PDB file of N, CA and C in Angstrom:
ATOM      1  N   MET A   1     131.127  90.111  29.531  1.00  0.00           N
ATOM      2  CA  MET A   1     130.914  91.268  30.372  1.00  0.00           C
ATOM      3  C   MET A   1     129.997  90.857  31.518  1.00  0.00           C
ATOM      4  N   GLU A   2     130.409  91.172  32.700  1.00  0.00           N
ATOM      5  CA  GLU A   2     129.661  90.786  33.891  1.00  0.00           C
ATOM      6  C   GLU A   2     128.734  91.917  34.331  1.00  0.00           C
ATOM      7  N   THR A   3     127.494  91.570  34.661  1.00  0.00           N
ATOM      8  CA  THR A   3     126.562  92.574  35.150  1.00  0.00           C
ATOM      9  C   THR A   3     126.705  92.717  36.656  1.00  0.00           C
ATOM     10  N   LEU A   4     126.516  93.915  37.141  1.00  0.00           N
ATOM     11  CA  LEU A   4     126.620  94.176  38.568  1.00  0.00           C
ATOM     12  C   LEU A   4     125.287  93.910  39.236  1.00  0.00           C
ATOM     13  N   PRO A   5     125.295  93.247  40.358  1.00  0.00           N
ATOM     14  CA  PRO A   5     124.026  93.010  41.060  1.00  0.00           C
ATOM     15  C   PRO A   5     123.539  94.291  41.727  1.00  0.00           C
ATOM     16  N   ILE A   6     122.281  94.602  41.529  1.00  0.00           N
ATOM     17  CA  ILE A   6     121.666  95.759  42.170  1.00  0.00           C
ATOM     18  C   ILE A   6     120.515  95.239  43.020  1.00  0.00           C
ATOM     19  N   ASP A   7     120.537  95.593  44.278  1.00  0.00           N
ATOM     20  CA  ASP A   7     119.474  95.120  45.163  1.00  0.00           C
ATOM     21  C   ASP A   7     118.199  95.917  44.939  1.00  0.00           C
ATOM     22  N   MET A   8     117.113  95.423  45.458  1.00  0.00           N
ATOM     23  CA  MET A   8     115.810  96.053  45.254  1.00  0.00           C
ATOM     24  C   MET A   8     115.725  97.421  45.917  1.00  0.00           C
ATOM     25  N   GLU A   9     116.434  97.600  47.040  1.00  0.00           N
ATOM     26  CA  GLU A   9     116.414  98.909  47.699  1.00  0.00           C
ATOM     27  C   GLU A   9     117.077  99.965  46.816  1.00  0.00           C
ATOM     28  N   GLY A  10     118.146  99.556  46.134  1.00  0.00           N
ATOM     29  CA  GLY A  10     118.806 100.478  45.215  1.00  0.00           C
ATOM     30  C   GLY A  10     117.916 100.845  44.040  1.00  0.00           C
ATOM     31  N   MET A  11     117.185  99.870  43.548  1.00  0.00           N
ATOM     32  CA  MET A  11     116.259 100.128  42.440  1.00  0.00           C
ATOM     33  C   MET A  11     115.157 101.092  42.864  1.00  0.00           C
ATOM     34  N   MET A  12     114.627 100.871  44.068  1.00  0.00           N
ATOM     35  CA  MET A  12     113.570 101.754  44.559  1.00  0.00           C
ATOM     36  C   MET A  12     114.099 103.171  44.778  1.00  0.00           C
ATOM     37  N   ALA A  13     115.341 103.271  45.234  1.00  0.00           N
ATOM     38  CA  ALA A  13     115.932 104.592  45.427  1.00  0.00           C
ATOM     39  C   ALA A  13     116.090 105.308  44.094  1.00  0.00           C
ATOM     40  N   LEU A  14     116.513 104.589  43.067  1.00  0.00           N
ATOM     41  CA  LEU A  14     116.640 105.204  41.744  1.00  0.00           C
ATOM     42  C   LEU A  14     115.286 105.633  41.193  1.00  0.00           C
ATOM     43  N   LYS A  15     114.275 104.830  41.410  1.00  0.00           N
ATOM     44  CA  LYS A  15     112.930 105.201  40.972  1.00  0.00           C
ATOM     45  C   LYS A  15     112.448 106.445  41.702  1.00  0.00           C
ATOM     46  N   ALA A  16     112.698 106.503  43.000  1.00  0.00           N
ATOM     47  CA  ALA A  16     112.255 107.655  43.785  1.00  0.00           C
ATOM     48  C   ALA A  16     112.955 108.927  43.319  1.00  0.00           C
ATOM     49  N   VAL A  17     114.241 108.835  43.017  1.00  0.00           N
ATOM     50  CA  VAL A  17     114.969 110.007  42.519  1.00  0.00           C
ATOM     51  C   VAL A  17     114.408 110.439  41.165  1.00  0.00           C
ATOM     52  N   GLY A  18     114.156 109.475  40.285  1.00  0.00           N
ATOM     53  CA  GLY A  18     113.605 109.809  38.969  1.00  0.00           C
ATOM     54  C   GLY A  18     112.240 110.467  39.063  1.00  0.00           C
ATOM     55  N   VAL A  19     111.378 109.923  39.886  1.00  0.00           N
ATOM     56  CA  VAL A  19     110.038 110.501  40.063  1.00  0.00           C
ATOM     57  C   VAL A  19     110.139 111.874  40.712  1.00  0.00           C
ATOM     58  N   GLY A  20     111.001 112.008  41.697  1.00  0.00           N
ATOM     59  CA  GLY A  20     111.160 113.301  42.370  1.00  0.00           C
ATOM     60  C   GLY A  20     111.656 114.381  41.432  1.00  0.00           C
ATOM     61  N   LEU A  21     112.630 114.053  40.605  1.00  0.00           N
ATOM     62  CA  LEU A  21     113.130 115.046  39.647  1.00  0.00           C
ATOM     63  C   LEU A  21     112.067 115.411  38.610  1.00  0.00           C
ATOM     64  N   THR A  22     111.295 114.432  38.202  1.00  0.00           N
ATOM     65  CA  THR A  22     110.225 114.701  37.242  1.00  0.00           C
ATOM     66  C   THR A  22     109.181 115.644  37.823  1.00  0.00           C
ATOM     67  N   VAL A  23     108.760 115.361  39.045  1.00  0.00           N
ATOM     68  CA  VAL A  23     107.744 116.197  39.688  1.00  0.00           C
ATOM     69  C   VAL A  23     108.289 117.591  39.970  1.00  0.00           C
ATOM     70  N   LEU A  24     109.550 117.671  40.384  1.00  0.00           N
ATOM     71  CA  LEU A  24     110.168 118.977  40.644  1.00  0.00           C
ATOM     72  C   LEU A  24     110.238 119.812  39.368  1.00  0.00           C
ATOM     73  N   GLY A  25     110.660 119.191  38.276  1.00  0.00           N
ATOM     74  CA  GLY A  25     110.732 119.913  37.003  1.00  0.00           C
ATOM     75  C   GLY A  25     109.377 120.380  36.525  1.00  0.00           C
ATOM     76  N   ALA A  26     108.366 119.534  36.672  1.00  0.00           N
ATOM     77  CA  ALA A  26     107.016 119.921  36.254  1.00  0.00           C
ATOM     78  C   ALA A  26     106.489 121.060  37.120  1.00  0.00           C
ATOM     79  N   GLY A  27     106.739 120.992  38.411  1.00  0.00           N
ATOM     80  CA  GLY A  27     106.287 122.059  39.307  1.00  0.00           C
ATOM     81  C   GLY A  27     106.931 123.394  38.977  1.00  0.00           C
ATOM     82  N   ILE A  28     108.225 123.365  38.710  1.00  0.00           N
ATOM     83  CA  ILE A  28     108.921 124.605  38.348  1.00  0.00           C
ATOM     84  C   ILE A  28     108.392 125.146  37.026  1.00  0.00           C
ATOM     85  N   GLY A  29     108.185 124.267  36.048  1.00  0.00           N
ATOM     86  CA  GLY A  29     107.688 124.707  34.744  1.00  0.00           C
ATOM     87  C   GLY A  29     106.298 125.316  34.823  1.00  0.00           C
ATOM     88  N   ILE A  30     105.409 124.675  35.547  1.00  0.00           N
ATOM     89  CA  ILE A  30     104.050 125.202  35.672  1.00  0.00           C
ATOM     90  C   ILE A  30     104.053 126.488  36.492  1.00  0.00           C
ATOM     91  N   GLY A  31     104.915 126.572  37.485  1.00  0.00           N
ATOM     92  CA  GLY A  31     105.037 127.817  38.251  1.00  0.00           C
ATOM     93  C   GLY A  31     105.495 128.970  37.385  1.00  0.00           C
ATOM     94  N   ASN A  32     106.452 128.714  36.511  1.00  0.00           N
ATOM     95  CA  ASN A  32     106.925 129.759  35.596  1.00  0.00           C
ATOM     96  C   ASN A  32     105.825 130.177  34.622  1.00  0.00           C
ATOM     97  N   ILE A  33     105.067 129.221  34.142  1.00  0.00           N
ATOM     98  CA  ILE A  33     103.960 129.547  33.234  1.00  0.00           C
ATOM     99  C   ILE A  33     102.934 130.421  33.945  1.00  0.00           C
ATOM    100  N   GLY A  34     102.567 130.028  35.165  1.00  0.00           N
ATOM    101  CA  GLY A  34     101.591 130.817  35.924  1.00  0.00           C
ATOM    102  C   GLY A  34     102.079 132.222  36.210  1.00  0.00           C
ATOM    103  N   ALA A  35     103.342 132.346  36.600  1.00  0.00           N
ATOM    104  CA  ALA A  35     103.895 133.677  36.892  1.00  0.00           C
ATOM    105  C   ALA A  35     103.912 134.551  35.641  1.00  0.00           C
ATOM    106  N   SER A  36     104.303 133.963  34.525  1.00  0.00           N
ATOM    107  CA  SER A  36     104.327 134.733  33.278  1.00  0.00           C
ATOM    108  C   SER A  36     102.923 135.120  32.828  1.00  0.00           C
ATOM    109  N   ALA A  37     101.964 134.241  33.030  1.00  0.00           N
ATOM    110  CA  ALA A  37     100.585 134.553  32.643  1.00  0.00           C
ATOM    111  C   ALA A  37     100.031 135.686  33.486  1.00  0.00           C
ATOM    112  N   VAL A  38     100.293 135.646  34.785  1.00  0.00           N
ATOM    113  CA  VAL A  38      99.808 136.730  35.652  1.00  0.00           C
ATOM    114  C   VAL A  38     100.452 138.048  35.262  1.00  0.00           C
ATOM    115  N   GLU A  39     101.745 138.015  34.952  1.00  0.00           N
ATOM    116  CA  GLU A  39     102.432 139.232  34.529  1.00  0.00           C
ATOM    117  C   GLU A  39     101.866 139.752  33.208  1.00  0.00           C
ATOM    118  N   GLY A  40     101.609 138.834  32.274  1.00  0.00           N
ATOM    119  CA  GLY A  40     101.042 139.249  30.995  1.00  0.00           C
ATOM    120  C   GLY A  40      99.645 139.825  31.132  1.00  0.00           C
ATOM    121  N   ILE A  41      98.832 139.219  32.002  1.00  0.00           N
ATOM    122  CA  ILE A  41      97.472 139.734  32.228  1.00  0.00           C
ATOM    123  C   ILE A  41      97.534 141.099  32.902  1.00  0.00           C
ATOM    124  N   ALA A  42      98.493 141.287  33.798  1.00  0.00           N
ATOM    125  CA  ALA A  42      98.628 142.589  34.453  1.00  0.00           C
ATOM    126  C   ALA A  42      99.035 143.664  33.456  1.00  0.00           C
ATOM    127  N   ARG A  43      99.831 143.296  32.475  1.00  0.00           N
ATOM    128  CA  ARG A  43     100.267 144.282  31.478  1.00  0.00           C
ATOM    129  C   ARG A  43      99.193 144.555  30.420  1.00  0.00           C
ATOM    130  N   GLN A  44      98.456 143.515  30.039  1.00  0.00           N
ATOM    131  CA  GLN A  44      97.420 143.673  29.015  1.00  0.00           C
ATOM    132  C   GLN A  44      96.149 142.952  29.458  1.00  0.00           C
ATOM    133  N   PRO A  45      95.336 143.617  30.259  1.00  0.00           N
ATOM    134  CA  PRO A  45      94.115 142.961  30.752  1.00  0.00           C
ATOM    135  C   PRO A  45      93.142 142.568  29.639  1.00  0.00           C
ATOM    136  N   GLU A  46      93.192 143.239  28.526  1.00  0.00           N
ATOM    137  CA  GLU A  46      92.265 142.921  27.438  1.00  0.00           C
ATOM    138  C   GLU A  46      92.605 141.587  26.764  1.00  0.00           C
ATOM    139  N   ALA A  47      93.801 141.072  26.980  1.00  0.00           N
ATOM    140  CA  ALA A  47      94.219 139.806  26.377  1.00  0.00           C
ATOM    141  C   ALA A  47      94.102 138.634  27.346  1.00  0.00           C
ATOM    142  N   THR A  48      93.301 138.788  28.377  1.00  0.00           N
ATOM    143  CA  THR A  48      93.199 137.774  29.429  1.00  0.00           C
ATOM    144  C   THR A  48      92.792 136.410  28.878  1.00  0.00           C
ATOM    145  N   ASN A  49      91.785 136.369  28.025  1.00  0.00           N
ATOM    146  CA  ASN A  49      91.296 135.073  27.512  1.00  0.00           C
ATOM    147  C   ASN A  49      92.359 134.341  26.695  1.00  0.00           C
ATOM    148  N   LYS A  50      93.070 135.076  25.826  1.00  0.00           N
ATOM    149  CA  LYS A  50      94.108 134.444  25.012  1.00  0.00           C
ATOM    150  C   LYS A  50      95.260 133.946  25.884  1.00  0.00           C
ATOM    151  N   ILE A  51      95.638 134.735  26.874  1.00  0.00           N
ATOM    152  CA  ILE A  51      96.746 134.345  27.749  1.00  0.00           C
ATOM    153  C   ILE A  51      96.367 133.125  28.577  1.00  0.00           C
ATOM    154  N   GLN A  52      95.150 133.114  29.108  1.00  0.00           N
ATOM    155  CA  GLN A  52      94.723 131.968  29.916  1.00  0.00           C
ATOM    156  C   GLN A  52      94.645 130.694  29.085  1.00  0.00           C
ATOM    157  N   THR A  53      94.174 130.807  27.854  1.00  0.00           N
ATOM    158  CA  THR A  53      94.086 129.641  26.984  1.00  0.00           C
ATOM    159  C   THR A  53      95.473 129.071  26.701  1.00  0.00           C
ATOM    160  N   ALA A  54      96.411 129.951  26.348  1.00  0.00           N
ATOM    161  CA  ALA A  54      97.772 129.501  26.073  1.00  0.00           C
ATOM    162  C   ALA A  54      98.408 128.912  27.323  1.00  0.00           C
ATOM    163  N   MET A  55      98.133 129.507  28.486  1.00  0.00           N
ATOM    164  CA  MET A  55      98.689 129.008  29.741  1.00  0.00           C
ATOM    165  C   MET A  55      98.166 127.609  30.042  1.00  0.00           C
ATOM    166  N   LEU A  56      96.875 127.394  29.878  1.00  0.00           N
ATOM    167  CA  LEU A  56      96.291 126.086  30.167  1.00  0.00           C
ATOM    168  C   LEU A  56      96.809 125.007  29.218  1.00  0.00           C
ATOM    169  N   ILE A  57      96.975 125.336  27.956  1.00  0.00           N
ATOM    170  CA  ILE A  57      97.511 124.366  26.998  1.00  0.00           C
ATOM    171  C   ILE A  57      98.941 124.008  27.360  1.00  0.00           C
ATOM    172  N   ALA A  58      99.756 125.000  27.677  1.00  0.00           N
ATOM    173  CA  ALA A  58     101.150 124.736  28.045  1.00  0.00           C
ATOM    174  C   ALA A  58     101.232 123.924  29.335  1.00  0.00           C
ATOM    175  N   ALA A  59     100.407 124.244  30.316  1.00  0.00           N
ATOM    176  CA  ALA A  59     100.413 123.497  31.577  1.00  0.00           C
ATOM    177  C   ALA A  59      99.984 122.049  31.352  1.00  0.00           C
ATOM    178  N   ALA A  60      99.020 121.841  30.481  1.00  0.00           N
ATOM    179  CA  ALA A  60      98.578 120.472  30.181  1.00  0.00           C
ATOM    180  C   ALA A  60      99.680 119.681  29.491  1.00  0.00           C
ATOM    181  N   LEU A  61     100.414 120.320  28.593  1.00  0.00           N
ATOM    182  CA  LEU A  61     101.522 119.633  27.930  1.00  0.00           C
ATOM    183  C   LEU A  61     102.624 119.273  28.924  1.00  0.00           C
ATOM    184  N   ILE A  62     102.905 120.164  29.855  1.00  0.00           N
ATOM    185  CA  ILE A  62     103.914 119.870  30.873  1.00  0.00           C
ATOM    186  C   ILE A  62     103.447 118.733  31.769  1.00  0.00           C
ATOM    187  N   GLU A  63     102.184 118.743  32.150  1.00  0.00           N
ATOM    188  CA  GLU A  63     101.657 117.657  32.981  1.00  0.00           C
ATOM    189  C   GLU A  63     101.736 116.317  32.251  1.00  0.00           C
ATOM    190  N   GLY A  64     101.445 116.310  30.963  1.00  0.00           N
ATOM    191  CA  GLY A  64     101.556 115.082  30.191  1.00  0.00           C
ATOM    192  C   GLY A  64     102.982 114.575  30.131  1.00  0.00           C
ATOM    193  N   THR A  65     103.918 115.473  29.931  1.00  0.00           N
ATOM    194  CA  THR A  65     105.327 115.100  29.916  1.00  0.00           C
ATOM    195  C   THR A  65     105.766 114.592  31.277  1.00  0.00           C
ATOM    196  N   ALA A  66     105.300 115.242  32.345  1.00  0.00           N
ATOM    197  CA  ALA A  66     105.644 114.796  33.698  1.00  0.00           C
ATOM    198  C   ALA A  66     105.072 113.414  33.972  1.00  0.00           C
ATOM    199  N   LEU A  67     103.855 113.171  33.548  1.00  0.00           N
ATOM    200  CA  LEU A  67     103.257 111.854  33.745  1.00  0.00           C
ATOM    201  C   LEU A  67     104.040 110.785  32.997  1.00  0.00           C
ATOM    202  N   PHE A  68     104.455 111.092  31.781  1.00  0.00           N
ATOM    203  CA  PHE A  68     105.275 110.151  31.018  1.00  0.00           C
ATOM    204  C   PHE A  68     106.588 109.884  31.745  1.00  0.00           C
ATOM    205  N   GLY A  69     107.206 110.914  32.304  1.00  0.00           N
ATOM    206  CA  GLY A  69     108.453 110.741  33.048  1.00  0.00           C
ATOM    207  C   GLY A  69     108.280 109.888  34.284  1.00  0.00           C
ATOM    208  N   ILE A  70     107.168 110.076  34.980  1.00  0.00           N
ATOM    209  CA  ILE A  70     106.899 109.273  36.180  1.00  0.00           C
ATOM    210  C   ILE A  70     106.704 107.810  35.797  1.00  0.00           C
ATOM    211  N   VAL A  71     105.948 107.563  34.749  1.00  0.00           N
ATOM    212  CA  VAL A  71     105.725 106.183  34.304  1.00  0.00           C
ATOM    213  C   VAL A  71     107.049 105.560  33.849  1.00  0.00           C
ATOM    214  N   ALA A  72     107.836 106.315  33.118  1.00  0.00           N
ATOM    215  CA  ALA A  72     109.121 105.791  32.643  1.00  0.00           C
ATOM    216  C   ALA A  72     110.049 105.490  33.819  1.00  0.00           C
ATOM    217  N   ALA A  73     110.101 106.379  34.783  1.00  0.00           N
ATOM    218  CA  ALA A  73     110.970 106.148  35.941  1.00  0.00           C
ATOM    219  C   ALA A  73     110.490 104.959  36.758  1.00  0.00           C
ATOM    220  N   THR A  74     109.205 104.756  36.807  1.00  0.00           N
ATOM    221  CA  THR A  74     108.663 103.654  37.599  1.00  0.00           C
ATOM    222  C   THR A  74     108.860 102.304  36.926  1.00  0.00           C
ATOM    223  N   PHE A  75     108.631 102.212  35.632  1.00  0.00           N
ATOM    224  CA  PHE A  75     108.649 100.926  34.962  1.00  0.00           C
ATOM    225  C   PHE A  75     109.974 100.561  34.297  1.00  0.00           C
ATOM    226  N   LEU A  76     110.755 101.538  33.899  1.00  0.00           N
ATOM    227  CA  LEU A  76     111.959 101.232  33.143  1.00  0.00           C
ATOM    228  C   LEU A  76     113.194 101.011  33.988  1.00  0.00           C
ATOM    229  N   VAL A  77     113.172 101.483  35.209  1.00  0.00           N
ATOM    230  CA  VAL A  77     114.374 101.324  36.055  1.00  0.00           C
ATOM    231  C   VAL A  77     114.311  99.986  36.749  1.00  0.00           C
TER     232      VAL A  77
END
């Protein structure tokens, strides 16, 4: 089986697409979390602390996943 030659510009383009999709997905996910948290706080102001805590934990998990995706796209391609 013969391997196809891929030039360095093609590799960099694939890395850029992978990183871009990762960052876009993380941004959308964190935006949805923030919007839902604001809506929840508006509906139940007495639960503000619990909602903010859950929001921060979820945002941190998404950021960790996004960082892993960026590293994977950078080093594995």
